[in-house]
C-alpha atoms as a PDB file:
ATOM      1  CA  MET A   1     -17.203  91.323 -78.281  1.00  0.00           C
ATOM      2  CA  ASN A   2     -14.365  88.889 -78.113  1.00  0.00           C
ATOM      3  CA  ALA A   3     -11.041  89.741 -80.025  1.00  0.00           C
ATOM      4  CA  GLN A   4     -10.534  86.411 -81.494  1.00  0.00           C
ATOM      5  CA  PRO A   5     -12.817  84.584 -83.478  1.00  0.00           C
ATOM      6  CA  PHE A   6     -14.561  81.349 -82.327  1.00  0.00           C
ATOM      7  CA  TYR A   7     -15.897  78.715 -84.092  1.00  0.00           C
ATOM      8  CA  HIS A   8     -18.428  75.636 -84.275  1.00  0.00           C
ATOM      9  CA  GLY A   9     -18.223  72.547 -86.125  1.00  0.00           C
ATOM     10  CA  THR A  10     -21.263  70.581 -86.796  1.00  0.00           C
ATOM     11  CA  LYS A  11     -23.140  69.122 -89.981  1.00  0.00           C
ATOM     12  CA  ALA A  12     -25.808  71.241 -89.049  1.00  0.00           C
ATOM     13  CA  ASP A  13     -26.746  73.851 -92.170  1.00  0.00           C
ATOM     14  CA  LEU A  14     -27.548  77.252 -90.518  1.00  0.00           C
ATOM     15  CA  LYS A  15     -27.374  80.844 -91.653  1.00  0.00           C
ATOM     16  CA  GLU A  16     -26.066  83.863 -90.181  1.00  0.00           C
ATOM     17  CA  GLY A  17     -28.134  85.289 -87.317  1.00  0.00           C
ATOM     18  CA  ASP A  18     -29.506  82.092 -86.189  1.00  0.00           C
ATOM     19  CA  LEU A  19     -28.043  80.607 -82.298  1.00  0.00           C
ATOM     20  CA  ILE A  20     -26.590  77.194 -81.616  1.00  0.00           C
ATOM     21  CA  GLY A  21     -27.637  76.501 -77.928  1.00  0.00           C
ATOM     22  CA  PRO A  22     -27.696  73.690 -75.657  1.00  0.00           C
ATOM     23  CA  GLY A  23     -30.300  70.872 -75.063  1.00  0.00           C
ATOM     24  CA  PHE A  24     -30.254  68.757 -78.673  1.00  0.00           C
ATOM     25  CA  ALA A  25     -28.828  65.605 -78.819  1.00  0.00           C
ATOM     26  CA  SER A  26     -24.988  65.226 -78.149  1.00  0.00           C
ATOM     27  CA  ASN A  27     -23.017  64.183 -81.431  1.00  0.00           C
ATOM     28  CA  PHE A  28     -21.111  61.762 -79.169  1.00  0.00           C
ATOM     29  CA  GLY A  29     -21.546  58.619 -77.085  1.00  0.00           C
ATOM     30  CA  LYS A  30     -24.866  58.045 -76.285  1.00  0.00           C
ATOM     31  CA  ARG A  31     -26.383  61.134 -77.607  1.00  0.00           C
ATOM     32  CA  LYS A  32     -27.616  62.335 -74.471  1.00  0.00           C
ATOM     33  CA  LYS A  33     -29.271  65.903 -74.723  1.00  0.00           C
ATOM     34  CA  ALA A  34     -26.646  68.587 -74.334  1.00  0.00           C
ATOM     35  CA  ALA A  35     -26.167  70.706 -71.216  1.00  0.00           C
ATOM     36  CA  TYR A  36     -23.815  72.762 -73.094  1.00  0.00           C
ATOM     37  CA  VAL A  37     -22.795  74.276 -76.591  1.00  0.00           C
ATOM     38  CA  TYR A  38     -19.131  73.428 -77.255  1.00  0.00           C
ATOM     39  CA  LEU A  39     -16.924  76.715 -79.269  1.00  0.00           C
ATOM     40  CA  THR A  40     -13.033  76.525 -79.613  1.00  0.00           C
ATOM     41  CA  ALA A  41     -10.547  79.288 -80.923  1.00  0.00           C
ATOM     42  CA  THR A  42      -9.127  76.638 -83.612  1.00  0.00           C
ATOM     43  CA  LEU A  43     -10.064  75.671 -87.004  1.00  0.00           C
ATOM     44  CA  ASP A  44      -8.457  72.574 -86.410  1.00  0.00           C
ATOM     45  CA  ALA A  45     -10.494  71.605 -83.230  1.00  0.00           C
ATOM     46  CA  ALA A  46     -13.814  73.279 -85.398  1.00  0.00           C
ATOM     47  CA  ALA A  47     -12.654  70.539 -87.973  1.00  0.00           C
ATOM     48  CA  TRP A  48     -12.999  67.570 -85.703  1.00  0.00           C
ATOM     49  CA  GLY A  49     -16.244  68.661 -84.865  1.00  0.00           C
ATOM     50  CA  ALA A  50     -17.534  69.262 -88.238  1.00  0.00           C
ATOM     51  CA  GLU A  51     -16.008  66.010 -89.253  1.00  0.00           C
ATOM     52  CA  LEU A  52     -17.307  63.737 -86.298  1.00  0.00           C
ATOM     53  CA  ALA A  53     -20.646  65.237 -85.674  1.00  0.00           C
ATOM     54  CA  SER A  54     -23.638  62.680 -86.407  1.00  0.00           C
ATOM     55  CA  GLY A  55     -25.770  63.434 -89.123  1.00  0.00           C
ATOM     56  CA  GLU A  56     -26.043  63.509 -92.792  1.00  0.00           C
ATOM     57  CA  GLY A  57     -24.531  65.978 -95.309  1.00  0.00           C
ATOM     58  CA  ARG A  58     -21.665  67.916 -95.115  1.00  0.00           C
ATOM     59  CA  GLY A  59     -19.353  69.032 -92.165  1.00  0.00           C
ATOM     60  CA  ARG A  60     -19.723  73.091 -91.881  1.00  0.00           C
ATOM     61  CA  ILE A  61     -17.626  75.451 -89.726  1.00  0.00           C
ATOM     62  CA  TYR A  62     -19.508  78.447 -88.340  1.00  0.00           C
ATOM     63  CA  ILE A  63     -17.558  81.676 -86.828  1.00  0.00           C
ATOM     64  CA  VAL A  64     -19.670  82.272 -83.866  1.00  0.00           C
ATOM     65  CA  GLU A  65     -20.030  85.102 -80.864  1.00  0.00           C
ATOM     66  CA  PRO A  66     -20.780  83.300 -77.385  1.00  0.00           C
ATOM     67  CA  THR A  67     -23.937  85.230 -76.063  1.00  0.00           C
ATOM     68  CA  GLY A  68     -23.046  84.694 -72.215  1.00  0.00           C
ATOM     69  CA  PRO A  69     -20.056  83.189 -70.377  1.00  0.00           C
ATOM     70  CA  PHE A  70     -18.035  80.008 -71.053  1.00  0.00           C
ATOM     71  CA  GLU A  71     -15.783  78.485 -69.877  1.00  0.00           C
ATOM     72  CA  ASP A  72     -12.672  75.645 -70.610  1.00  0.00           C
ATOM     73  CA  ASP A  73     -14.016  72.277 -71.853  1.00  0.00           C
ATOM     74  CA  PRO A  74     -13.255  69.701 -68.937  1.00  0.00           C
ATOM     75  CA  ASN A  75     -13.774  66.699 -71.265  1.00  0.00           C
ATOM     76  CA  LEU A  76     -10.290  68.019 -73.188  1.00  0.00           C
ATOM     77  CA  THR A  77      -8.588  70.573 -71.080  1.00  0.00           C
ATOM     78  CA  ASP A  78      -8.381  68.858 -67.529  1.00  0.00           C
ATOM     79  CA  LYS A  79      -8.079  65.519 -68.692  1.00  0.00           C
ATOM     80  CA  LYS A  80      -6.218  65.485 -71.514  1.00  0.00           C
ATOM     81  CA  PHE A  81      -4.193  68.866 -72.608  1.00  0.00           C
ATOM     82  CA  PRO A  82      -3.535  70.589 -69.394  1.00  0.00           C
ATOM     83  CA  GLY A  83      -3.508  74.460 -70.402  1.00  0.00           C
ATOM     84  CA  ASN A  84      -6.160  74.285 -72.966  1.00  0.00           C
ATOM     85  CA  PRO A  85      -4.039  74.226 -76.036  1.00  0.00           C
ATOM     86  CA  THR A  86      -6.934  72.979 -78.127  1.00  0.00           C
ATOM     87  CA  LYS A  87      -8.437  76.367 -77.187  1.00  0.00           C
ATOM     88  CA  SER A  88     -11.909  74.172 -76.455  1.00  0.00           C
ATOM     89  CA  TYR A  89     -14.791  75.986 -74.283  1.00  0.00           C
ATOM     90  CA  ARG A  90     -18.600  75.297 -73.508  1.00  0.00           C
ATOM     91  CA  SER A  91     -21.358  77.459 -72.268  1.00  0.00           C
ATOM     92  CA  ARG A  92     -24.499  77.084 -71.307  1.00  0.00           C
ATOM     93  CA  ASP A  93     -26.046  79.721 -73.176  1.00  0.00           C
ATOM     94  CA  PRO A  94     -26.234  79.769 -77.056  1.00  0.00           C
ATOM     95  CA  LEU A  95     -23.667  80.629 -79.913  1.00  0.00           C
ATOM     96  CA  LYS A  96     -24.652  83.666 -82.283  1.00  0.00           C
ATOM     97  CA  ILE A  97     -23.741  82.430 -86.158  1.00  0.00           C
ATOM     98  CA  VAL A  98     -21.955  85.191 -87.290  1.00  0.00           C
ATOM     99  CA  GLY A  99     -20.412  83.892 -90.746  1.00  0.00           C
ATOM    100  CA  GLU A 100     -19.109  80.875 -91.738  1.00  0.00           C
ATOM    101  CA  VAL A 101     -15.341  79.565 -93.061  1.00  0.00           C
ATOM    102  CA  THR A 102     -16.137  77.805 -96.393  1.00  0.00           C
ATOM    103  CA  ASP A 103     -12.408  76.580 -97.068  1.00  0.00           C
ATOM    104  CA  TRP A 104     -11.028  74.775 -94.190  1.00  0.00           C
ATOM    105  CA  GLN A 105      -9.037  71.819 -94.974  1.00  0.00           C
ATOM    106  CA  GLY A 106     -10.192  68.488 -93.051  1.00  0.00           C
ATOM    107  CA  HIS A 107      -8.249  65.555 -91.824  1.00  0.00           C
ATOM    108  CA  SER A 108      -6.740  62.794 -93.532  1.00  0.00           C
ATOM    109  CA  PRO A 109      -8.120  59.581 -93.908  1.00  0.00           C
ATOM    110  CA  GLU A 110      -6.071  58.176 -91.305  1.00  0.00           C
ATOM    111  CA  GLN A 111      -6.413  60.591 -88.832  1.00  0.00           C
ATOM    112  CA  LEU A 112     -10.075  60.456 -89.037  1.00  0.00           C
ATOM    113  CA  LYS A 113     -10.097  56.739 -88.789  1.00  0.00           C
ATOM    114  CA  ALA A 114      -7.690  56.744 -85.952  1.00  0.00           C
ATOM    115  CA  MET A 115     -10.091  59.120 -83.948  1.00  0.00           C
ATOM    116  CA  LYS A 116     -13.155  57.471 -84.899  1.00  0.00           C
ATOM    117  CA  ASP A 117     -11.501  54.217 -83.514  1.00  0.00           C
ATOM    118  CA  ARG A 118     -10.636  56.144 -80.175  1.00  0.00           C
ATOM    119  CA  LEU A 119     -14.334  57.461 -79.808  1.00  0.00           C
ATOM    120  CA  ALA A 120     -15.676  53.825 -80.589  1.00  0.00           C
ATOM    121  CA  GLU A 121     -13.084  52.110 -78.032  1.00  0.00           C
ATOM    122  CA  LEU A 122     -14.647  54.863 -75.210  1.00  0.00           C
ATOM    123  CA  GLU A 123     -17.843  54.628 -76.335  1.00  0.00           C
ATOM    124  CA  ARG A 124     -16.873  50.720 -75.790  1.00  0.00           C
ATOM    125  CA  LEU A 125     -15.624  51.665 -72.086  1.00  0.00           C
ATOM    126  CA  GLY A 126     -18.498  53.349 -71.201  1.00  0.00           C
ATOM    127  CA  VAL A 127     -16.863  56.897 -71.112  1.00  0.00           C
ATOM    128  CA  GLU A 128     -19.337  59.895 -71.525  1.00  0.00           C
ATOM    129  CA  ALA A 129     -18.627  63.710 -71.863  1.00  0.00           C
ATOM    130  CA  ILE A 130     -18.270  65.433 -68.882  1.00  0.00           C
ATOM    131  CA  GLU A 131     -21.533  67.651 -68.597  1.00  0.00           C
ATOM    132  CA  ASP A 132     -21.911  68.681 -64.842  1.00  0.00           C
END
């Protein structure tokens, strides 16, 4: 078991013991089937996941345990933030939900708009998530 907690932000309504795995439609880009499931060690990154996830309902942040190996998320680490300050990771193995963070603080409306505008620009440019 890992010493630090890991989080996964989503709009899916799940419960303790459920598994979150790859193989579902991605929340971003063309919504291709995701080859990985993503996790983070920061509440801020998990909040972005919860706020930007597609679907209806409120964003949720789950406390998760990886069931297999995980690696730095190249969509953030190699391209945007060398050294992985966002502590963002990905795995081909499911994440087990062990709890939920219910008192998290979301981003401001201005921050959300700026991020959504940036994601729309990336989509317009045809930039997709790194899945290999």
